[in-house]
Amino acid sequence: MDGLWSASGGERIFIFTTNHVDKIDEALIRRGRMDKHIEMSYCCFEAFKALAKNYLGLDSHDKFDAVRRLLSETEISTADVAESLVPKSPEIGADECLENLMAALRKAKGEKESRDGEKMGEGEKMGGEIEEKERRRGEVWRRIRKQIMRVVAEK
């Protein structure tokens, strides 16, 4: 269980995440216990376009083709893509944000190729994967929290 949100009054929102939904007892994930199941996969080009529109106000850009190619060659979470697209200061423009994203995609691609090429011991591999999943889960959780807080504030 990752968190508990009290939206208003008696309503409660519980957040659970797992990488192995097939290993969870069916009684725990049946209707009435968990009403909404959301699969969060790696970022695709369509999700990137939505993020670029939200964060940068862009519908298209000459760097979109390069981003599309890099996204198809690697696995990166939507939270990691969003992190690269968010301007860190008012002076940073869309071009620099897209360059930051492409650098992050190249780095992720290189890390994936390096992992695929190396033969690590099972313990080292598991530890690194767990740390990466925990980092990504934390990023996703922070984004969900911000979205929920915005919705609650609007009501």
N, C-alpha and C. Protein backbone atom coordinates (compact mmCIF):
# COMPACT_ATOMS: atom_id res chain seq x y z
N MET A 1 0.85 -1.17 0.00
CA MET A 1 0.00 0.00 0.00
C MET A 1 0.90 1.23 0.00
N ASP A 2 0.67 2.11 -0.95
CA ASP A 2 1.52 3.28 -1.10
C ASP A 2 0.98 4.52 -0.40
N GLY A 3 -0.32 4.56 -0.17
CA GLY A 3 -0.81 5.77 0.47
C GLY A 3 -2.30 5.75 0.71
N LEU A 4 -2.72 6.71 1.49
CA LEU A 4 -4.12 6.91 1.81
C LEU A 4 -4.43 8.37 1.60
N TRP A 5 -5.46 8.63 0.83
CA TRP A 5 -5.90 10.01 0.61
C TRP A 5 -7.32 10.14 1.09
N SER A 6 -7.59 11.16 1.84
CA SER A 6 -8.94 11.47 2.26
C SER A 6 -9.38 12.66 1.41
N ALA A 7 -10.18 12.38 0.39
CA ALA A 7 -10.59 13.43 -0.53
C ALA A 7 -11.54 14.42 0.15
N SER A 8 -12.62 13.91 0.69
CA SER A 8 -13.55 14.77 1.42
C SER A 8 -14.53 13.89 2.19
N GLY A 9 -14.94 14.37 3.34
CA GLY A 9 -15.90 13.64 4.15
C GLY A 9 -15.47 12.22 4.43
N GLY A 10 -16.36 11.27 4.15
CA GLY A 10 -16.09 9.87 4.41
C GLY A 10 -15.42 9.14 3.26
N GLU A 11 -15.17 9.84 2.16
CA GLU A 11 -14.52 9.19 1.03
C GLU A 11 -13.05 8.93 1.32
N ARG A 12 -12.58 7.80 0.87
CA ARG A 12 -11.17 7.45 1.04
C ARG A 12 -10.63 6.91 -0.27
N ILE A 13 -9.42 7.30 -0.59
CA ILE A 13 -8.73 6.77 -1.76
C ILE A 13 -7.45 6.11 -1.28
N PHE A 14 -7.35 4.81 -1.51
CA PHE A 14 -6.15 4.06 -1.17
C PHE A 14 -5.39 3.78 -2.46
N ILE A 15 -4.08 3.93 -2.41
CA ILE A 15 -3.24 3.68 -3.57
C ILE A 15 -2.38 2.46 -3.29
N PHE A 16 -2.45 1.47 -4.17
CA PHE A 16 -1.63 0.27 -4.10
C PHE A 16 -0.87 0.15 -5.41
N THR A 17 0.38 -0.28 -5.36
CA THR A 17 1.12 -0.56 -6.58
C THR A 17 1.77 -1.91 -6.48
N THR A 18 1.92 -2.55 -7.63
CA THR A 18 2.62 -3.83 -7.70
C THR A 18 3.18 -4.02 -9.09
N ASN A 19 4.24 -4.76 -9.17
CA ASN A 19 4.77 -5.16 -10.46
C ASN A 19 4.30 -6.56 -10.83
N HIS A 20 3.59 -7.22 -9.92
CA HIS A 20 3.18 -8.60 -10.12
C HIS A 20 1.72 -8.80 -9.71
N VAL A 21 0.80 -8.19 -10.44
CA VAL A 21 -0.62 -8.30 -10.09
C VAL A 21 -1.09 -9.75 -10.16
N ASP A 22 -0.45 -10.57 -10.97
CA ASP A 22 -0.82 -11.97 -11.09
C ASP A 22 -0.50 -12.78 -9.83
N LYS A 23 0.33 -12.25 -8.96
CA LYS A 23 0.70 -12.95 -7.73
C LYS A 23 -0.17 -12.54 -6.53
N ILE A 24 -1.08 -11.60 -6.74
CA ILE A 24 -1.94 -11.13 -5.65
C ILE A 24 -3.18 -12.00 -5.58
N ASP A 25 -3.58 -12.34 -4.36
CA ASP A 25 -4.78 -13.14 -4.14
C ASP A 25 -5.98 -12.44 -4.79
N GLU A 26 -6.76 -13.20 -5.55
CA GLU A 26 -7.93 -12.65 -6.26
C GLU A 26 -8.91 -11.96 -5.31
N ALA A 27 -9.02 -12.45 -4.08
CA ALA A 27 -9.95 -11.85 -3.12
C ALA A 27 -9.57 -10.41 -2.78
N LEU A 28 -8.30 -10.08 -2.89
CA LEU A 28 -7.86 -8.72 -2.58
C LEU A 28 -8.11 -7.72 -3.70
N ILE A 29 -8.19 -8.21 -4.94
CA ILE A 29 -8.33 -7.27 -6.06
C ILE A 29 -9.69 -7.35 -6.74
N ARG A 30 -10.63 -8.05 -6.13
CA ARG A 30 -11.95 -8.16 -6.74
C ARG A 30 -12.71 -6.84 -6.64
N ARG A 31 -13.78 -6.71 -7.43
CA ARG A 31 -14.65 -5.53 -7.38
C ARG A 31 -15.18 -5.35 -5.96
N GLY A 32 -15.23 -4.14 -5.52
CA GLY A 32 -15.67 -3.84 -4.17
C GLY A 32 -14.51 -3.66 -3.22
N ARG A 33 -13.41 -4.31 -3.51
CA ARG A 33 -12.18 -4.10 -2.73
C ARG A 33 -11.30 -3.09 -3.43
N MET A 34 -11.05 -3.36 -4.70
CA MET A 34 -10.27 -2.42 -5.53
C MET A 34 -11.12 -2.13 -6.76
N ASP A 35 -11.64 -0.93 -6.80
CA ASP A 35 -12.58 -0.58 -7.85
C ASP A 35 -11.91 -0.09 -9.13
N LYS A 36 -10.70 0.38 -9.05
CA LYS A 36 -10.04 0.93 -10.23
C LYS A 36 -8.65 0.34 -10.35
N HIS A 37 -8.35 -0.23 -11.49
CA HIS A 37 -7.04 -0.79 -11.78
C HIS A 37 -6.44 0.02 -12.92
N ILE A 38 -5.27 0.58 -12.72
CA ILE A 38 -4.62 1.38 -13.75
C ILE A 38 -3.25 0.78 -14.04
N GLU A 39 -3.04 0.39 -15.29
CA GLU A 39 -1.73 -0.13 -15.68
C GLU A 39 -0.87 1.04 -16.13
N MET A 40 0.28 1.17 -15.54
CA MET A 40 1.20 2.26 -15.88
C MET A 40 2.40 1.64 -16.60
N SER A 41 2.43 1.82 -17.91
CA SER A 41 3.51 1.26 -18.69
C SER A 41 4.53 2.35 -19.02
N TYR A 42 5.48 2.01 -19.86
CA TYR A 42 6.48 2.99 -20.26
C TYR A 42 5.85 4.04 -21.17
N CYS A 43 6.51 5.16 -21.26
CA CYS A 43 6.00 6.29 -22.03
C CYS A 43 6.04 5.99 -23.53
N CYS A 44 4.94 6.26 -24.20
CA CYS A 44 4.88 6.14 -25.65
C CYS A 44 4.83 7.56 -26.25
N PHE A 45 4.89 7.65 -27.56
CA PHE A 45 4.93 8.95 -28.21
C PHE A 45 3.65 9.75 -27.96
N GLU A 46 2.50 9.09 -27.94
CA GLU A 46 1.24 9.80 -27.70
C GLU A 46 1.22 10.43 -26.31
N ALA A 47 1.71 9.71 -25.32
CA ALA A 47 1.78 10.26 -23.95
C ALA A 47 2.76 11.43 -23.91
N PHE A 48 3.89 11.29 -24.62
CA PHE A 48 4.85 12.39 -24.70
C PHE A 48 4.20 13.64 -25.29
N LYS A 49 3.42 13.47 -26.36
CA LYS A 49 2.77 14.63 -26.99
C LYS A 49 1.82 15.34 -26.01
N ALA A 50 1.11 14.55 -25.22
CA ALA A 50 0.22 15.15 -24.21
C ALA A 50 1.03 15.92 -23.17
N LEU A 51 2.16 15.36 -22.75
CA LEU A 51 3.01 16.05 -21.78
C LEU A 51 3.62 17.32 -22.38
N ALA A 52 4.04 17.26 -23.63
CA ALA A 52 4.61 18.44 -24.30
C ALA A 52 3.57 19.54 -24.41
N LYS A 53 2.33 19.17 -24.67
CA LYS A 53 1.25 20.15 -24.75
C LYS A 53 1.00 20.77 -23.37
N ASN A 54 0.95 19.93 -22.34
CA ASN A 54 0.66 20.42 -20.98
C ASN A 54 1.78 21.27 -20.42
N TYR A 55 3.03 20.82 -20.56
CA TYR A 55 4.15 21.51 -19.91
C TYR A 55 4.77 22.61 -20.77
N LEU A 56 4.76 22.42 -22.09
CA LEU A 56 5.45 23.38 -22.96
C LEU A 56 4.52 24.11 -23.91
N GLY A 57 3.25 23.71 -23.96
CA GLY A 57 2.30 24.35 -24.87
C GLY A 57 2.57 24.02 -26.34
N LEU A 58 3.20 22.88 -26.60
CA LEU A 58 3.57 22.51 -27.97
C LEU A 58 2.66 21.43 -28.53
N ASP A 59 2.17 21.66 -29.76
CA ASP A 59 1.46 20.62 -30.49
C ASP A 59 2.41 19.89 -31.43
N SER A 60 3.44 20.60 -31.88
CA SER A 60 4.44 19.99 -32.75
C SER A 60 5.74 20.78 -32.61
N HIS A 61 6.82 20.14 -33.03
CA HIS A 61 8.15 20.76 -32.95
C HIS A 61 9.07 19.95 -33.84
N ASP A 62 10.10 20.57 -34.37
CA ASP A 62 11.01 19.85 -35.26
C ASP A 62 11.78 18.73 -34.55
N LYS A 63 11.80 18.72 -33.24
CA LYS A 63 12.51 17.67 -32.49
C LYS A 63 11.60 16.48 -32.14
N PHE A 64 10.32 16.58 -32.46
CA PHE A 64 9.40 15.50 -32.13
C PHE A 64 9.77 14.18 -32.81
N ASP A 65 10.25 14.24 -34.05
CA ASP A 65 10.62 13.00 -34.75
C ASP A 65 11.78 12.30 -34.04
N ALA A 66 12.76 13.07 -33.60
CA ALA A 66 13.90 12.48 -32.88
C ALA A 66 13.43 11.88 -31.55
N VAL A 67 12.51 12.57 -30.87
CA VAL A 67 11.97 12.04 -29.61
C VAL A 67 11.21 10.75 -29.88
N ARG A 68 10.41 10.73 -30.95
CA ARG A 68 9.65 9.52 -31.31
C ARG A 68 10.61 8.33 -31.50
N ARG A 69 11.68 8.54 -32.23
CA ARG A 69 12.65 7.48 -32.50
C ARG A 69 13.29 6.99 -31.20
N LEU A 70 13.72 7.94 -30.35
CA LEU A 70 14.36 7.56 -29.09
C LEU A 70 13.40 6.83 -28.15
N LEU A 71 12.15 7.27 -28.11
CA LEU A 71 11.16 6.59 -27.26
C LEU A 71 10.95 5.15 -27.72
N SER A 72 11.00 4.92 -29.03
CA SER A 72 10.79 3.56 -29.54
C SER A 72 11.99 2.66 -29.27
N GLU A 73 13.14 3.24 -28.97
CA GLU A 73 14.37 2.46 -28.76
C GLU A 73 14.68 2.19 -27.30
N THR A 74 13.93 2.75 -26.38
CA THR A 74 14.24 2.58 -24.97
C THR A 74 12.97 2.46 -24.15
N GLU A 75 13.12 2.18 -22.88
CA GLU A 75 12.00 2.11 -21.95
C GLU A 75 12.22 3.17 -20.88
N ILE A 76 11.29 4.12 -20.82
CA ILE A 76 11.39 5.20 -19.84
C ILE A 76 9.99 5.49 -19.33
N SER A 77 9.88 5.77 -18.06
CA SER A 77 8.56 6.02 -17.48
C SER A 77 8.04 7.40 -17.89
N THR A 78 6.75 7.54 -17.84
CA THR A 78 6.13 8.82 -18.15
C THR A 78 6.58 9.88 -17.15
N ALA A 79 6.78 9.48 -15.90
CA ALA A 79 7.26 10.41 -14.88
C ALA A 79 8.65 10.94 -15.23
N ASP A 80 9.52 10.07 -15.75
CA ASP A 80 10.86 10.51 -16.15
C ASP A 80 10.80 11.47 -17.34
N VAL A 81 9.90 11.21 -18.28
CA VAL A 81 9.73 12.11 -19.42
C VAL A 81 9.22 13.46 -18.93
N ALA A 82 8.22 13.45 -18.06
CA ALA A 82 7.67 14.70 -17.53
C ALA A 82 8.73 15.49 -16.78
N GLU A 83 9.56 14.80 -16.01
CA GLU A 83 10.63 15.47 -15.26
C GLU A 83 11.57 16.23 -16.19
N SER A 84 11.85 15.66 -17.35
CA SER A 84 12.73 16.32 -18.31
C SER A 84 12.05 17.49 -19.01
N LEU A 85 10.74 17.43 -19.15
CA LEU A 85 10.01 18.47 -19.88
C LEU A 85 9.67 19.69 -19.03
N VAL A 86 9.63 19.52 -17.74
CA VAL A 86 9.26 20.65 -16.87
C VAL A 86 10.40 21.67 -16.86
N PRO A 87 10.11 22.91 -17.26
CA PRO A 87 11.17 23.94 -17.21
C PRO A 87 11.60 24.16 -15.77
N LYS A 88 12.90 24.16 -15.53
CA LYS A 88 13.43 24.31 -14.18
C LYS A 88 13.49 25.77 -13.74
N SER A 89 13.41 26.69 -14.72
CA SER A 89 13.37 28.12 -14.42
C SER A 89 12.66 28.83 -15.56
N PRO A 90 12.23 30.06 -15.34
CA PRO A 90 11.51 30.80 -16.40
C PRO A 90 12.36 31.05 -17.65
N GLU A 91 13.68 31.03 -17.51
CA GLU A 91 14.55 31.29 -18.65
C GLU A 91 14.68 30.10 -19.60
N ILE A 92 14.30 28.92 -19.14
CA ILE A 92 14.45 27.71 -19.95
C ILE A 92 13.25 27.59 -20.88
N GLY A 93 13.54 27.46 -22.17
CA GLY A 93 12.49 27.36 -23.18
C GLY A 93 12.23 25.93 -23.61
N ALA A 94 11.31 25.78 -24.55
CA ALA A 94 10.91 24.47 -25.05
C ALA A 94 12.07 23.73 -25.69
N ASP A 95 12.92 24.44 -26.45
CA ASP A 95 14.05 23.78 -27.10
C ASP A 95 14.96 23.11 -26.09
N GLU A 96 15.27 23.82 -25.02
CA GLU A 96 16.17 23.26 -24.00
C GLU A 96 15.51 22.09 -23.27
N CYS A 97 14.22 22.20 -23.00
CA CYS A 97 13.51 21.11 -22.34
C CYS A 97 13.52 19.86 -23.22
N LEU A 98 13.29 20.03 -24.52
CA LEU A 98 13.32 18.89 -25.43
C LEU A 98 14.73 18.30 -25.53
N GLU A 99 15.74 19.16 -25.51
CA GLU A 99 17.12 18.67 -25.50
C GLU A 99 17.40 17.87 -24.23
N ASN A 100 16.90 18.36 -23.10
CA ASN A 100 17.05 17.63 -21.83
C ASN A 100 16.41 16.24 -21.93
N LEU A 101 15.22 16.20 -22.53
CA LEU A 101 14.53 14.93 -22.69
C LEU A 101 15.33 13.99 -23.58
N MET A 102 15.82 14.49 -24.70
CA MET A 102 16.57 13.63 -25.61
C MET A 102 17.86 13.12 -24.95
N ALA A 103 18.49 13.95 -24.13
CA ALA A 103 19.67 13.50 -23.40
C ALA A 103 19.30 12.39 -22.41
N ALA A 104 18.16 12.56 -21.72
CA ALA A 104 17.70 11.53 -20.77
C ALA A 104 17.36 10.24 -21.51
N LEU A 105 16.76 10.35 -22.69
CA LEU A 105 16.43 9.17 -23.48
C LEU A 105 17.69 8.45 -23.97
N ARG A 106 18.68 9.23 -24.41
CA ARG A 106 19.95 8.62 -24.84
C ARG A 106 20.63 7.91 -23.67
N LYS A 107 20.59 8.55 -22.51
CA LYS A 107 21.20 7.94 -21.31
C LYS A 107 20.48 6.65 -20.95
N ALA A 108 19.14 6.68 -20.96
CA ALA A 108 18.36 5.48 -20.64
C ALA A 108 18.63 4.38 -21.66
N LYS A 109 18.76 4.76 -22.92
CA LYS A 109 19.06 3.79 -23.97
C LYS A 109 20.43 3.15 -23.72
N GLY A 110 21.42 3.98 -23.40
CA GLY A 110 22.76 3.47 -23.12
C GLY A 110 22.78 2.56 -21.91
N GLU A 111 22.05 2.94 -20.87
CA GLU A 111 21.99 2.11 -19.66
C GLU A 111 21.31 0.77 -19.95
N LYS A 112 20.26 0.80 -20.77
CA LYS A 112 19.56 -0.44 -21.12
C LYS A 112 20.49 -1.35 -21.92
N GLU A 113 21.19 -0.77 -22.89
CA GLU A 113 22.12 -1.57 -23.69
C GLU A 113 23.24 -2.12 -22.83
N SER A 114 23.71 -1.33 -21.89
CA SER A 114 24.77 -1.77 -20.98
C SER A 114 24.28 -2.92 -20.11
N ARG A 115 23.06 -2.78 -19.57
CA ARG A 115 22.49 -3.85 -18.74
C ARG A 115 22.30 -5.12 -19.55
N ASP A 116 21.81 -4.97 -20.78
CA ASP A 116 21.59 -6.13 -21.63
C ASP A 116 22.90 -6.82 -21.98
N GLY A 117 23.98 -6.05 -22.11
CA GLY A 117 25.27 -6.61 -22.50
C GLY A 117 26.05 -7.22 -21.35
N GLU A 118 25.78 -6.78 -20.15
CA GLU A 118 26.51 -7.26 -18.99
C GLU A 118 25.84 -8.48 -18.39
N LYS A 119 26.62 -9.31 -17.78
CA LYS A 119 26.10 -10.47 -17.05
C LYS A 119 26.40 -10.24 -15.58
N MET A 120 25.41 -9.68 -14.87
CA MET A 120 25.58 -9.41 -13.44
C MET A 120 25.17 -10.63 -12.63
N GLY A 121 25.63 -10.65 -11.41
CA GLY A 121 25.14 -11.65 -10.46
C GLY A 121 23.68 -11.35 -10.16
N GLU A 122 22.89 -12.35 -9.89
CA GLU A 122 21.46 -12.17 -9.67
C GLU A 122 21.15 -11.22 -8.51
N GLY A 123 21.94 -11.27 -7.45
CA GLY A 123 21.71 -10.39 -6.30
C GLY A 123 21.93 -8.93 -6.65
N GLU A 124 23.00 -8.62 -7.38
CA GLU A 124 23.27 -7.24 -7.79
C GLU A 124 22.17 -6.73 -8.71
N LYS A 125 21.76 -7.58 -9.65
CA LYS A 125 20.73 -7.18 -10.61
C LYS A 125 19.42 -6.88 -9.89
N MET A 126 19.02 -7.77 -8.98
CA MET A 126 17.77 -7.57 -8.24
C MET A 126 17.82 -6.29 -7.42
N GLY A 127 18.95 -6.03 -6.76
CA GLY A 127 19.07 -4.82 -5.95
C GLY A 127 18.93 -3.56 -6.77
N GLY A 128 19.59 -3.51 -7.94
CA GLY A 128 19.49 -2.35 -8.81
C GLY A 128 18.09 -2.14 -9.35
N GLU A 129 17.43 -3.24 -9.73
CA GLU A 129 16.06 -3.14 -10.23
C GLU A 129 15.11 -2.65 -9.15
N ILE A 130 15.29 -3.14 -7.94
CA ILE A 130 14.42 -2.72 -6.84
C ILE A 130 14.61 -1.24 -6.55
N GLU A 131 15.87 -0.78 -6.52
CA GLU A 131 16.12 0.64 -6.29
C GLU A 131 15.51 1.49 -7.38
N GLU A 132 15.62 1.09 -8.64
CA GLU A 132 15.05 1.84 -9.76
C GLU A 132 13.53 1.87 -9.67
N LYS A 133 12.92 0.73 -9.35
CA LYS A 133 11.46 0.68 -9.23
C LYS A 133 10.99 1.57 -8.09
N GLU A 134 11.70 1.56 -6.97
CA GLU A 134 11.33 2.41 -5.83
C GLU A 134 11.45 3.89 -6.20
N ARG A 135 12.50 4.25 -6.94
CA ARG A 135 12.67 5.64 -7.37
C ARG A 135 11.52 6.05 -8.29
N ARG A 136 11.20 5.19 -9.26
CA ARG A 136 10.11 5.51 -10.18
C ARG A 136 8.77 5.57 -9.46
N ARG A 137 8.55 4.64 -8.53
CA ARG A 137 7.30 4.64 -7.77
C ARG A 137 7.16 5.95 -7.00
N GLY A 138 8.26 6.41 -6.40
CA GLY A 138 8.22 7.67 -5.67
C GLY A 138 7.88 8.84 -6.57
N GLU A 139 8.44 8.85 -7.78
CA GLU A 139 8.14 9.94 -8.72
C GLU A 139 6.68 9.90 -9.15
N VAL A 140 6.18 8.72 -9.47
CA VAL A 140 4.79 8.58 -9.87
C VAL A 140 3.87 8.99 -8.73
N TRP A 141 4.20 8.56 -7.52
CA TRP A 141 3.38 8.88 -6.35
C TRP A 141 3.33 10.40 -6.13
N ARG A 142 4.47 11.09 -6.29
CA ARG A 142 4.48 12.55 -6.13
C ARG A 142 3.59 13.21 -7.17
N ARG A 143 3.59 12.73 -8.39
CA ARG A 143 2.75 13.30 -9.44
C ARG A 143 1.26 13.05 -9.16
N ILE A 144 0.94 11.83 -8.73
CA ILE A 144 -0.45 11.51 -8.39
C ILE A 144 -0.92 12.40 -7.25
N ARG A 145 -0.07 12.57 -6.24
CA ARG A 145 -0.42 13.41 -5.09
C ARG A 145 -0.72 14.84 -5.54
N LYS A 146 0.10 15.40 -6.43
CA LYS A 146 -0.13 16.76 -6.92
C LYS A 146 -1.45 16.86 -7.67
N GLN A 147 -1.75 15.85 -8.51
CA GLN A 147 -2.99 15.86 -9.26
C GLN A 147 -4.19 15.79 -8.32
N ILE A 148 -4.13 14.92 -7.34
CA ILE A 148 -5.23 14.79 -6.39
C ILE A 148 -5.42 16.09 -5.61
N MET A 149 -4.33 16.69 -5.19
CA MET A 149 -4.42 17.95 -4.44
C MET A 149 -5.05 19.04 -5.29
N ARG A 150 -4.74 19.08 -6.60
CA ARG A 150 -5.36 20.07 -7.49
C ARG A 150 -6.85 19.84 -7.59
N VAL A 151 -7.27 18.56 -7.73
CA VAL A 151 -8.68 18.25 -7.84
C VAL A 151 -9.41 18.62 -6.55
N VAL A 152 -8.81 18.28 -5.41
CA VAL A 152 -9.43 18.60 -4.12
C VAL A 152 -9.52 20.11 -3.95
N ALA A 153 -8.50 20.84 -4.34
CA ALA A 153 -8.50 22.30 -4.20
C ALA A 153 -9.57 22.95 -5.08
N GLU A 154 -9.83 22.36 -6.26
CA GLU A 154 -10.83 22.91 -7.15
C GLU A 154 -12.24 22.75 -6.60
N LYS A 155 -12.44 21.71 -5.79
CA LYS A 155 -13.79 21.47 -5.22
C LYS A 155 -13.93 22.32 -4.01
